[in-house]
């Protein structure tokens, strides 16, 4: 998707003391911002009057710590900061030109550096719980000349004030043949692939994080990449209910994460009608 930047207004002219002075442009129209998550994912967004800043948006979905955060629009990384256990924690700012910037805060990891050019939909970090946060989520802002603005996705202003679900259209409809996401990137820091199976149009992977004891399943598409199509992942701990993430996604389904101390797991997924289901395995 090509990012459109529209600059409105004309420079004013003033002549005084024999000097020609050029006035600055009027506020330009916003870049075509999209939800800062991969195509097809649905996230719950909350705005509230006591938020700081008030026009910021907090984004959540189930077991989202470590999920990929992507650039809302193309631009150049202008800040990569770490405030420790206060404020934004680990955060990133992207400069989109014409005075527009976006901020992504409370990240668990930052995957870009200052001065780096990023494209819309490119992974820049992972959802976390750093800084002054009481639970994993993404704090997101759109700013014009440093001042927070009411957030728009796809040209439409989000709900103020309250909670609403938003489905990502970020980089949908690309149709490319190379998936930019890996299973490790989808599941987050610390996860390593321990098993996998091919389905027609995708690959299902089982990953494990030794530091926190969680299993993770994700299905990475190998066809129809960037276009919303049926794909799913599931994870079932023996003796417990199965958890499934399935929908019309552009790049992958999941991550589905669960602990299974002393138990076996059944895992699998699908791309369209092609499915894979394991036996109960990887016990302990």
Protein backbone atom coordinates (compact mmCIF):
# COMPACT_ATOMS: atom_id res chain seq x y z
CA UNK A 1 0.00 0.00 0.00
CA UNK A 2 1.47 3.35 -0.96
CA UNK A 3 1.30 5.95 1.74
CA UNK A 4 -0.35 9.16 0.63
CA UNK A 5 0.84 12.41 2.05
CA UNK A 6 -1.23 15.45 1.25
CA UNK A 7 0.01 18.88 2.10
CA UNK A 8 -2.60 21.61 2.23
CA UNK A 9 -2.31 25.33 2.66
CA UNK A 10 -0.02 27.79 0.94
CA UNK A 11 2.84 29.78 2.33
CA UNK A 12 1.96 33.30 3.29
CA UNK A 13 4.11 36.15 2.09
CA UNK A 14 5.10 39.19 4.11
CA UNK A 15 7.47 41.92 3.13
CA UNK A 16 8.92 44.14 5.76
CA UNK A 17 12.18 45.97 6.32
CA UNK A 18 13.18 44.94 2.80
CA UNK A 19 13.11 41.22 3.75
CA UNK A 20 10.86 38.60 2.16
CA UNK A 21 9.47 36.26 4.84
CA UNK A 22 7.92 32.92 3.98
CA UNK A 23 5.20 31.71 6.36
CA UNK A 24 4.88 28.01 7.26
CA UNK A 25 2.27 25.71 5.75
CA UNK A 26 -1.12 25.18 7.27
CA UNK A 27 -1.78 21.90 9.10
CA UNK A 28 -1.50 19.15 6.52
CA UNK A 29 -3.89 16.25 6.09
CA UNK A 30 -3.02 13.10 8.00
CA UNK A 31 -1.10 10.21 6.54
CA UNK A 32 -3.20 7.13 5.78
CA UNK A 33 -2.70 5.57 9.23
CA UNK A 34 -3.82 2.00 9.91
CA UNK A 35 -4.09 -0.10 13.08
CA UNK A 36 -0.52 -0.91 14.25
CA UNK A 37 -1.00 -4.69 14.00
CA UNK A 38 -0.84 -7.20 11.11
CA UNK A 39 -3.67 -7.47 8.59
CA UNK A 40 -6.86 -9.09 9.83
CA UNK A 41 -6.14 -9.03 13.55
CA UNK A 42 -8.86 -7.65 15.84
CA UNK A 43 -7.87 -5.61 18.90
CA UNK A 44 -9.92 -3.95 21.62
CA UNK A 45 -9.17 -0.23 21.82
CA UNK A 46 -9.93 1.90 24.87
CA UNK A 47 -10.00 5.69 25.19
CA UNK A 48 -10.75 7.50 28.44
CA UNK A 49 -10.83 11.06 29.72
CA UNK A 50 -8.17 10.44 32.38
CA UNK A 51 -5.64 9.01 29.92
CA UNK A 52 -2.30 10.78 29.50
CA UNK A 53 -2.40 12.17 26.91
CA UNK A 54 -6.19 12.16 26.76
CA UNK A 55 -6.37 11.35 23.02
CA UNK A 56 -4.13 8.26 23.30
CA UNK A 57 -5.42 4.75 22.65
CA UNK A 58 -4.72 1.55 24.63
CA UNK A 59 -4.96 -1.66 22.59
CA UNK A 60 -5.43 -5.18 23.96
CA UNK A 61 -6.39 -8.71 22.99
CA UNK A 62 -6.10 -12.00 24.88
CA UNK A 63 -2.58 -13.16 25.83
CA UNK A 64 -1.08 -10.39 23.73
CA UNK A 65 2.29 -9.94 25.44
CA UNK A 66 4.98 -10.41 22.78
CA UNK A 67 2.61 -9.94 19.82
CA UNK A 68 4.08 -8.08 16.85
CA UNK A 69 3.58 -4.30 16.64
CA UNK A 70 3.84 -2.85 13.13
CA UNK A 71 4.24 0.65 11.71
CA UNK A 72 0.89 2.43 11.34
CA UNK A 73 2.28 4.17 8.24
CA UNK A 74 5.62 4.43 6.49
CA UNK A 75 8.21 6.87 7.76
CA UNK A 76 11.55 7.25 9.53
CA UNK A 77 12.21 6.16 13.11
CA UNK A 78 12.88 9.33 15.10
CA UNK A 79 13.05 8.00 18.70
CA UNK A 80 13.83 4.69 20.37
CA UNK A 81 13.72 5.23 24.12
CA UNK A 82 13.67 3.25 27.36
CA UNK A 83 12.20 5.00 30.43
CA UNK A 84 12.74 1.94 32.61
CA UNK A 85 9.91 1.23 35.06
CA UNK A 86 8.25 4.63 34.58
CA UNK A 87 6.21 6.46 31.94
CA UNK A 88 6.24 4.83 28.47
CA UNK A 89 8.86 2.21 29.36
CA UNK A 90 10.27 1.00 26.04
CA UNK A 91 8.82 3.14 23.26
CA UNK A 92 9.28 4.17 19.64
CA UNK A 93 8.37 7.25 17.64
CA UNK A 94 8.07 7.32 13.83
CA UNK A 95 8.20 10.53 11.79
CA UNK A 96 5.79 10.37 8.83
CA UNK A 97 6.52 13.81 7.41
CA UNK A 98 4.42 17.00 7.24
CA UNK A 99 4.58 17.25 11.04
CA UNK A 100 2.94 13.87 11.72
CA UNK A 101 4.40 11.31 14.12
CA UNK A 102 3.17 8.16 15.86
CA UNK A 103 4.21 6.72 19.21
CA UNK A 104 4.17 3.09 20.39
CA UNK A 105 4.72 2.55 24.13
CA UNK A 106 5.14 -0.14 26.86
CA UNK A 107 6.91 -2.43 24.37
CA UNK A 108 8.69 -5.61 25.44
CA UNK A 109 11.16 -5.25 22.56
CA UNK A 110 12.20 -2.58 20.06
CA UNK A 111 13.23 -3.91 16.65
CA UNK A 112 14.22 -0.72 14.83
CA UNK A 113 16.83 2.00 15.31
CA UNK A 114 16.82 5.80 15.02
CA UNK A 115 17.12 6.93 11.40
CA UNK A 116 15.81 3.66 9.97
CA UNK A 117 13.22 3.91 7.19
CA UNK A 118 10.19 1.67 7.82
CA UNK A 119 7.31 0.74 5.57
CA UNK A 120 3.67 0.53 6.56
CA UNK A 121 3.03 -2.85 8.19
CA UNK A 122 6.70 -3.50 9.00
CA UNK A 123 7.34 -5.01 12.45
CA UNK A 124 8.91 -2.43 14.77
CA UNK A 125 8.52 -4.06 18.19
CA UNK A 126 6.45 -6.30 20.43
CA UNK A 127 3.59 -5.70 22.86
CA UNK A 128 4.81 -5.48 26.45
CA UNK A 129 4.22 -4.30 29.99
CA UNK A 130 7.16 -1.94 30.51
CA UNK A 131 7.11 1.48 32.17
CA UNK A 132 4.11 2.69 34.15
CA UNK A 133 1.89 -0.16 32.97
CA UNK A 134 -0.25 -2.57 34.98
CA UNK A 135 -0.75 -5.14 32.22
CA UNK A 136 0.48 -5.92 28.72
CA UNK A 137 -0.96 -3.59 26.07
CA UNK A 138 0.06 -1.12 23.38
CA UNK A 139 -0.25 2.60 24.11
CA UNK A 140 -0.60 4.39 20.76
CA UNK A 141 -0.64 8.07 19.78
CA UNK A 142 -0.89 10.14 16.60
CA UNK A 143 0.63 13.62 16.86
CA UNK A 144 0.79 16.69 14.63
CA UNK A 145 3.72 19.02 15.31
CA UNK A 146 4.10 17.33 18.71
CA UNK A 147 0.45 17.75 19.77
CA UNK A 148 -1.73 14.64 20.22
CA UNK A 149 -4.60 14.37 17.73
CA UNK A 150 -7.79 12.32 17.62
CA UNK A 151 -6.68 8.98 16.20
CA UNK A 152 -7.86 7.83 12.77
CA UNK A 153 -7.52 4.42 11.13
CA UNK A 154 -8.24 4.25 7.42
CA UNK A 155 -9.43 7.85 7.57
CA UNK A 156 -12.09 7.18 10.24
CA UNK A 157 -11.85 8.64 13.74
CA UNK A 158 -11.90 6.04 16.52
CA UNK A 159 -14.45 6.02 19.35
CA UNK A 160 -14.01 8.68 22.05
CA UNK A 161 -14.59 7.84 24.91
CA UNK A 162 -15.11 4.14 25.52
CA UNK A 163 -14.06 0.70 24.24
CA UNK A 164 -14.44 -0.67 20.72
CA UNK A 165 -13.00 -3.52 18.66
CA UNK A 166 -10.91 -2.60 15.60
CA UNK A 167 -9.89 -4.94 12.77
CA UNK A 168 -6.58 -4.20 11.10
CA UNK A 169 -6.43 -3.32 7.41
CA UNK A 170 -2.68 -2.71 7.65
CA UNK A 171 -1.01 -4.02 4.47
CA UNK A 172 -4.05 -6.08 3.47
CA UNK A 173 -4.42 -7.01 -0.17
CA UNK A 174 -0.71 -7.16 -0.90
CA UNK A 175 -0.73 -10.55 -2.62
CA UNK A 176 3.05 -10.96 -2.37
CA UNK A 177 4.71 -14.38 -2.25
CA UNK A 178 7.01 -13.84 0.73
CA UNK A 179 5.56 -13.69 4.22
CA UNK A 180 7.45 -11.06 6.25
CA UNK A 181 6.61 -12.79 9.56
CA UNK A 182 8.28 -15.77 11.20
CA UNK A 183 6.80 -18.01 13.93
CA UNK A 184 9.27 -16.58 16.45
CA UNK A 185 8.30 -13.05 15.55
CA UNK A 186 4.59 -13.82 15.85
CA UNK A 187 4.94 -15.51 19.26
CA UNK A 188 7.45 -12.99 20.66
CA UNK A 189 10.77 -12.89 22.48
CA UNK A 190 12.04 -16.13 23.97
CA UNK A 191 9.97 -18.54 21.86
CA UNK A 192 11.71 -21.25 19.84
CA UNK A 193 10.16 -23.64 17.30
CA UNK A 194 10.06 -27.23 18.61
CA UNK A 195 7.72 -28.80 16.01
CA UNK A 196 5.92 -27.93 12.79
CA UNK A 197 3.67 -29.25 10.03
CA UNK A 198 2.81 -28.05 6.54
CA UNK A 199 -0.73 -27.43 5.33
CA UNK A 200 -1.64 -26.34 1.83
CA UNK A 201 -1.14 -22.59 1.93
CA UNK A 202 0.67 -22.37 5.26
CA UNK A 203 2.84 -23.89 7.96
CA UNK A 204 1.72 -24.58 11.52
CA UNK A 205 4.42 -24.26 14.19
CA UNK A 206 4.59 -25.18 17.87
CA UNK A 207 6.97 -23.06 19.91
CA UNK A 208 8.10 -23.09 23.54
CA UNK A 209 9.46 -20.38 25.82
CA UNK A 210 11.76 -21.92 28.45
CA UNK A 211 11.84 -18.72 30.51
CA UNK A 212 8.09 -18.60 31.23
CA UNK A 213 6.93 -22.14 30.44
CA UNK A 214 4.43 -21.15 27.75
CA UNK A 215 3.69 -23.05 24.55
CA UNK A 216 2.69 -21.07 21.45
CA UNK A 217 1.04 -22.12 18.18
CA UNK A 218 0.98 -19.98 15.04
CA UNK A 219 0.07 -20.69 11.41
CA UNK A 220 2.12 -18.66 8.93
CA UNK A 221 0.56 -18.28 5.48
CA UNK A 222 2.57 -19.24 2.40
CA UNK A 223 -0.05 -18.24 -0.19
CA UNK A 224 -2.53 -15.35 -0.49
CA UNK A 225 -0.06 -13.36 1.58
CA UNK A 226 -1.34 -9.92 2.47
CA UNK A 227 -4.89 -10.79 1.42
CA UNK A 228 -7.46 -11.74 4.05
CA UNK A 229 -8.22 -15.47 3.87
CA UNK A 230 -9.24 -18.27 6.23
CA UNK A 231 -6.39 -19.37 8.51
CA UNK A 232 -6.35 -20.73 12.04
CA UNK A 233 -4.30 -22.06 14.95
CA UNK A 234 -5.26 -23.99 18.07
CA UNK A 235 -3.65 -25.30 21.25
CA UNK A 236 -5.16 -27.79 23.69
CA UNK A 237 -3.64 -28.80 27.01
CA UNK A 238 -4.67 -32.35 27.94
CA UNK A 239 -7.68 -32.17 30.25
CA UNK A 240 -8.45 -28.53 29.40
CA UNK A 241 -10.56 -26.81 26.76
CA UNK A 242 -9.08 -26.07 23.34
CA UNK A 243 -8.23 -22.45 22.49
CA UNK A 244 -8.51 -21.44 18.81
CA UNK A 245 -7.70 -18.32 16.82
CA UNK A 246 -9.28 -18.53 13.36
CA UNK A 247 -10.36 -15.83 10.96
CA UNK A 248 -9.72 -14.07 7.66
CA UNK A 249 -6.13 -12.94 8.24
CA UNK A 250 -3.52 -11.56 5.87
CA UNK A 251 -0.34 -13.09 7.27
CA UNK A 252 -0.86 -15.52 10.15
CA UNK A 253 -3.26 -16.91 12.75
CA UNK A 254 -2.37 -16.88 16.42
CA UNK A 255 -0.39 -16.70 18.51
CA UNK A 256 -2.27 -19.08 20.82
CA UNK A 257 -0.37 -19.42 24.11
CA UNK A 258 -0.81 -21.74 27.11
CA UNK A 259 1.20 -23.30 29.92
CA UNK A 260 1.12 -27.09 30.25
CA UNK A 261 3.12 -28.04 33.36
CA UNK A 262 3.38 -31.82 33.57
CA UNK A 263 0.84 -32.30 30.77
CA UNK A 264 0.74 -33.14 27.06
CA UNK A 265 -0.49 -30.76 24.36
CA UNK A 266 -2.43 -31.18 21.13
CA UNK A 267 -1.85 -28.47 18.55
CA UNK A 268 -2.63 -27.66 14.94
CA UNK A 269 -4.13 -25.25 12.48
CA UNK A 270 -5.48 -24.67 9.02
CA UNK A 271 -5.19 -22.65 5.84
CA UNK A 272 -8.59 -22.82 4.20
CA UNK A 273 -9.75 -26.44 4.08
CA UNK A 274 -6.26 -27.87 4.59
CA UNK A 275 -5.79 -28.78 8.27
CA UNK A 276 -3.31 -30.38 10.65
CA UNK A 277 -4.01 -31.82 14.10
CA UNK A 278 -1.32 -33.44 16.22
CA UNK A 279 -1.74 -36.21 18.75
CA UNK A 280 -1.23 -35.36 22.42
CA UNK A 281 2.54 -35.00 22.63
CA UNK A 282 5.45 -32.92 23.97
CA UNK A 283 4.43 -34.01 27.46
CA UNK A 284 5.84 -32.51 30.62
